[in-house]
N, C-alpha and C. Protein backbone atom coordinates (compact mmCIF):
# COMPACT_ATOMS: atom_id res chain seq x y z
N MET A 1 -1.85 14.56 -5.04
CA MET A 1 -1.01 13.49 -5.54
C MET A 1 -1.86 12.57 -6.41
N THR A 2 -1.33 12.21 -7.54
CA THR A 2 -2.03 11.34 -8.48
C THR A 2 -1.93 9.89 -8.03
N ARG A 3 -3.05 9.20 -8.17
CA ARG A 3 -3.10 7.78 -7.79
C ARG A 3 -3.60 6.99 -9.01
N TYR A 4 -2.87 5.93 -9.34
CA TYR A 4 -3.22 5.08 -10.48
C TYR A 4 -3.58 3.69 -9.95
N ARG A 5 -4.74 3.19 -10.34
CA ARG A 5 -5.19 1.86 -9.92
C ARG A 5 -4.60 0.82 -10.86
N LEU A 6 -3.85 -0.11 -10.31
CA LEU A 6 -3.26 -1.18 -11.11
C LEU A 6 -4.34 -2.14 -11.60
N PRO A 7 -4.14 -2.72 -12.78
CA PRO A 7 -5.13 -3.67 -13.32
C PRO A 7 -5.06 -5.01 -12.58
N GLU A 8 -6.06 -5.85 -12.80
CA GLU A 8 -6.09 -7.18 -12.19
C GLU A 8 -4.91 -8.02 -12.65
N GLN A 9 -4.56 -7.92 -13.91
CA GLN A 9 -3.47 -8.70 -14.49
C GLN A 9 -2.25 -7.80 -14.67
N LEU A 10 -1.21 -8.08 -13.90
CA LEU A 10 0.03 -7.31 -14.03
C LEU A 10 1.12 -8.29 -14.44
N ASP A 11 1.04 -8.67 -15.72
CA ASP A 11 1.99 -9.63 -16.26
C ASP A 11 2.58 -9.09 -17.56
N ILE A 12 3.38 -9.88 -18.20
CA ILE A 12 4.11 -9.41 -19.37
C ILE A 12 3.19 -8.87 -20.47
N ARG A 13 1.97 -9.37 -20.56
CA ARG A 13 1.04 -8.90 -21.59
C ARG A 13 0.49 -7.52 -21.27
N HIS A 14 0.47 -7.12 -20.02
CA HIS A 14 -0.17 -5.88 -19.61
C HIS A 14 0.79 -4.84 -19.05
N VAL A 15 2.04 -5.20 -18.90
CA VAL A 15 2.98 -4.33 -18.21
C VAL A 15 3.31 -3.06 -19.02
N ALA A 16 3.22 -3.09 -20.33
CA ALA A 16 3.55 -1.91 -21.13
C ALA A 16 2.60 -0.75 -20.82
N ASP A 17 1.32 -1.04 -20.69
CA ASP A 17 0.35 0.01 -20.36
C ASP A 17 0.64 0.60 -18.99
N VAL A 18 0.94 -0.26 -18.04
CA VAL A 18 1.23 0.22 -16.69
C VAL A 18 2.55 1.00 -16.68
N HIS A 19 3.50 0.56 -17.48
CA HIS A 19 4.78 1.28 -17.56
C HIS A 19 4.57 2.73 -17.98
N ARG A 20 3.68 2.95 -18.93
CA ARG A 20 3.39 4.33 -19.37
C ARG A 20 2.83 5.16 -18.22
N GLN A 21 1.97 4.57 -17.43
CA GLN A 21 1.40 5.28 -16.30
C GLN A 21 2.46 5.57 -15.23
N VAL A 22 3.32 4.61 -14.97
CA VAL A 22 4.40 4.80 -14.00
C VAL A 22 5.34 5.90 -14.47
N ALA A 23 5.68 5.89 -15.76
CA ALA A 23 6.56 6.93 -16.30
C ALA A 23 5.92 8.30 -16.17
N ALA A 24 4.62 8.40 -16.39
CA ALA A 24 3.92 9.68 -16.24
C ALA A 24 3.93 10.14 -14.79
N LEU A 25 3.72 9.22 -13.86
CA LEU A 25 3.78 9.58 -12.44
C LEU A 25 5.17 10.08 -12.07
N ALA A 26 6.20 9.37 -12.53
CA ALA A 26 7.57 9.77 -12.22
C ALA A 26 7.88 11.14 -12.82
N ALA A 27 7.42 11.38 -14.04
CA ALA A 27 7.67 12.68 -14.69
C ALA A 27 6.95 13.81 -13.97
N ALA A 28 5.82 13.49 -13.35
CA ALA A 28 5.05 14.50 -12.63
C ALA A 28 5.57 14.72 -11.21
N GLY A 29 6.59 13.99 -10.84
CA GLY A 29 7.18 14.17 -9.52
C GLY A 29 6.70 13.20 -8.46
N GLY A 30 5.97 12.19 -8.85
CA GLY A 30 5.55 11.17 -7.89
C GLY A 30 4.08 10.89 -7.95
N GLY A 31 3.65 10.06 -7.05
CA GLY A 31 2.27 9.64 -6.98
C GLY A 31 2.22 8.30 -6.31
N SER A 32 1.12 7.60 -6.53
CA SER A 32 0.99 6.29 -5.90
C SER A 32 0.28 5.31 -6.83
N LEU A 33 0.51 4.06 -6.57
CA LEU A 33 -0.13 2.97 -7.29
C LEU A 33 -1.00 2.21 -6.30
N ASP A 34 -2.23 1.96 -6.68
CA ASP A 34 -3.16 1.20 -5.86
C ASP A 34 -3.11 -0.24 -6.31
N GLY A 35 -2.59 -1.12 -5.48
CA GLY A 35 -2.39 -2.51 -5.86
C GLY A 35 -3.46 -3.47 -5.36
N ALA A 36 -4.56 -2.96 -4.85
CA ALA A 36 -5.58 -3.82 -4.24
C ALA A 36 -6.28 -4.74 -5.23
N ALA A 37 -6.40 -4.35 -6.49
CA ALA A 37 -7.17 -5.13 -7.46
C ALA A 37 -6.35 -6.21 -8.17
N VAL A 38 -5.04 -6.23 -7.96
CA VAL A 38 -4.20 -7.19 -8.67
C VAL A 38 -4.51 -8.62 -8.22
N THR A 39 -4.77 -9.48 -9.19
CA THR A 39 -5.03 -10.89 -8.89
C THR A 39 -3.96 -11.80 -9.49
N ARG A 40 -3.18 -11.27 -10.43
CA ARG A 40 -2.11 -12.05 -11.06
C ARG A 40 -0.95 -11.13 -11.36
N ILE A 41 0.25 -11.57 -10.95
CA ILE A 41 1.46 -10.80 -11.22
C ILE A 41 2.58 -11.78 -11.54
N ASP A 42 3.42 -11.42 -12.49
CA ASP A 42 4.58 -12.24 -12.80
C ASP A 42 5.84 -11.43 -12.52
N THR A 43 6.98 -12.00 -12.83
CA THR A 43 8.25 -11.34 -12.53
C THR A 43 8.37 -10.00 -13.24
N THR A 44 7.83 -9.89 -14.44
CA THR A 44 7.87 -8.62 -15.17
C THR A 44 7.11 -7.55 -14.39
N GLY A 45 5.96 -7.90 -13.84
CA GLY A 45 5.18 -6.97 -13.04
C GLY A 45 5.92 -6.55 -11.79
N VAL A 46 6.58 -7.51 -11.14
CA VAL A 46 7.36 -7.19 -9.94
C VAL A 46 8.51 -6.24 -10.29
N GLN A 47 9.17 -6.49 -11.42
CA GLN A 47 10.26 -5.61 -11.84
C GLN A 47 9.77 -4.18 -12.05
N LEU A 48 8.62 -4.05 -12.69
CA LEU A 48 8.06 -2.72 -12.92
C LEU A 48 7.74 -2.03 -11.60
N LEU A 49 7.11 -2.75 -10.68
CA LEU A 49 6.77 -2.15 -9.39
C LEU A 49 8.02 -1.81 -8.59
N ALA A 50 9.03 -2.66 -8.65
CA ALA A 50 10.28 -2.37 -7.95
C ALA A 50 10.93 -1.10 -8.51
N ALA A 51 10.90 -0.93 -9.82
CA ALA A 51 11.45 0.28 -10.44
C ALA A 51 10.64 1.51 -10.02
N ALA A 52 9.32 1.34 -9.94
CA ALA A 52 8.47 2.46 -9.51
C ALA A 52 8.79 2.85 -8.08
N LEU A 53 8.97 1.87 -7.21
CA LEU A 53 9.32 2.16 -5.82
C LEU A 53 10.67 2.88 -5.75
N ALA A 54 11.62 2.44 -6.56
CA ALA A 54 12.94 3.09 -6.59
C ALA A 54 12.86 4.52 -7.08
N ALA A 55 11.83 4.83 -7.90
CA ALA A 55 11.63 6.18 -8.41
C ALA A 55 10.83 7.05 -7.45
N GLY A 56 10.49 6.51 -6.28
CA GLY A 56 9.77 7.29 -5.28
C GLY A 56 8.26 7.22 -5.37
N ILE A 57 7.76 6.32 -6.18
CA ILE A 57 6.31 6.14 -6.30
C ILE A 57 5.88 5.15 -5.23
N LYS A 58 4.84 5.45 -4.53
CA LYS A 58 4.36 4.59 -3.45
C LYS A 58 3.43 3.50 -3.99
N LEU A 59 3.48 2.35 -3.36
CA LEU A 59 2.57 1.26 -3.68
C LEU A 59 1.63 1.09 -2.49
N GLU A 60 0.38 1.43 -2.70
CA GLU A 60 -0.59 1.37 -1.62
C GLU A 60 -1.45 0.12 -1.76
N GLU A 61 -1.76 -0.49 -0.64
CA GLU A 61 -2.63 -1.66 -0.58
C GLU A 61 -2.24 -2.77 -1.55
N PRO A 62 -0.99 -3.22 -1.51
CA PRO A 62 -0.61 -4.31 -2.42
C PRO A 62 -1.40 -5.57 -2.10
N ALA A 63 -1.97 -6.18 -3.11
CA ALA A 63 -2.75 -7.41 -2.95
C ALA A 63 -1.84 -8.52 -2.42
N ALA A 64 -2.47 -9.54 -1.88
CA ALA A 64 -1.72 -10.67 -1.33
C ALA A 64 -0.79 -11.31 -2.36
N CYS A 65 -1.25 -11.40 -3.62
CA CYS A 65 -0.40 -12.00 -4.65
C CYS A 65 0.83 -11.14 -4.94
N VAL A 66 0.68 -9.83 -4.82
CA VAL A 66 1.83 -8.92 -5.02
C VAL A 66 2.83 -9.13 -3.88
N GLN A 67 2.35 -9.16 -2.67
CA GLN A 67 3.23 -9.38 -1.52
C GLN A 67 3.94 -10.73 -1.62
N ALA A 68 3.20 -11.76 -2.03
CA ALA A 68 3.79 -13.10 -2.18
C ALA A 68 4.85 -13.13 -3.27
N ALA A 69 4.60 -12.44 -4.37
CA ALA A 69 5.57 -12.41 -5.48
C ALA A 69 6.85 -11.69 -5.05
N PHE A 70 6.73 -10.57 -4.35
CA PHE A 70 7.91 -9.86 -3.86
C PHE A 70 8.69 -10.75 -2.89
N THR A 71 7.96 -11.44 -2.02
CA THR A 71 8.61 -12.32 -1.05
C THR A 71 9.33 -13.47 -1.74
N SER A 72 8.68 -14.11 -2.70
CA SER A 72 9.31 -15.27 -3.36
C SER A 72 10.54 -14.87 -4.17
N LEU A 73 10.59 -13.61 -4.58
CA LEU A 73 11.77 -13.14 -5.33
C LEU A 73 12.81 -12.48 -4.42
N GLY A 74 12.58 -12.53 -3.12
CA GLY A 74 13.55 -11.96 -2.17
C GLY A 74 13.51 -10.45 -2.10
N LEU A 75 12.37 -9.85 -2.47
CA LEU A 75 12.27 -8.39 -2.53
C LEU A 75 11.26 -7.81 -1.54
N ALA A 76 10.84 -8.59 -0.56
CA ALA A 76 9.83 -8.12 0.40
C ALA A 76 10.29 -6.85 1.12
N HIS A 77 11.58 -6.69 1.29
CA HIS A 77 12.10 -5.50 1.97
C HIS A 77 11.71 -4.21 1.22
N LEU A 78 11.53 -4.29 -0.09
CA LEU A 78 11.14 -3.10 -0.85
C LEU A 78 9.74 -2.63 -0.46
N LEU A 79 8.85 -3.57 -0.19
CA LEU A 79 7.49 -3.20 0.21
C LEU A 79 7.50 -2.63 1.63
N ASN A 80 8.38 -3.13 2.47
CA ASN A 80 8.43 -2.70 3.86
C ASN A 80 9.17 -1.38 4.05
N SER A 81 9.93 -0.96 3.07
CA SER A 81 10.77 0.24 3.23
C SER A 81 10.14 1.51 2.68
N GLN A 82 8.92 1.42 2.16
CA GLN A 82 8.33 2.61 1.56
C GLN A 82 7.58 3.44 2.56
């Protein structure tokens, strides 16, 4: 299974690059995203990760800021359901 390490900055300026990687994982039938290195995430980043989760891609080791962002947007259940 392919694993892609997310960048430190997962915001609107960097989400296009990550989107390409997520699309490649989805096209290959799945994989996982390593979220341990993320230090900044905005709503655009959360949307991308939520779409990846919906496509069956796993999010491993989400950083505290990722968990907090999902929680503040009312989406913590997505992290708990994978």
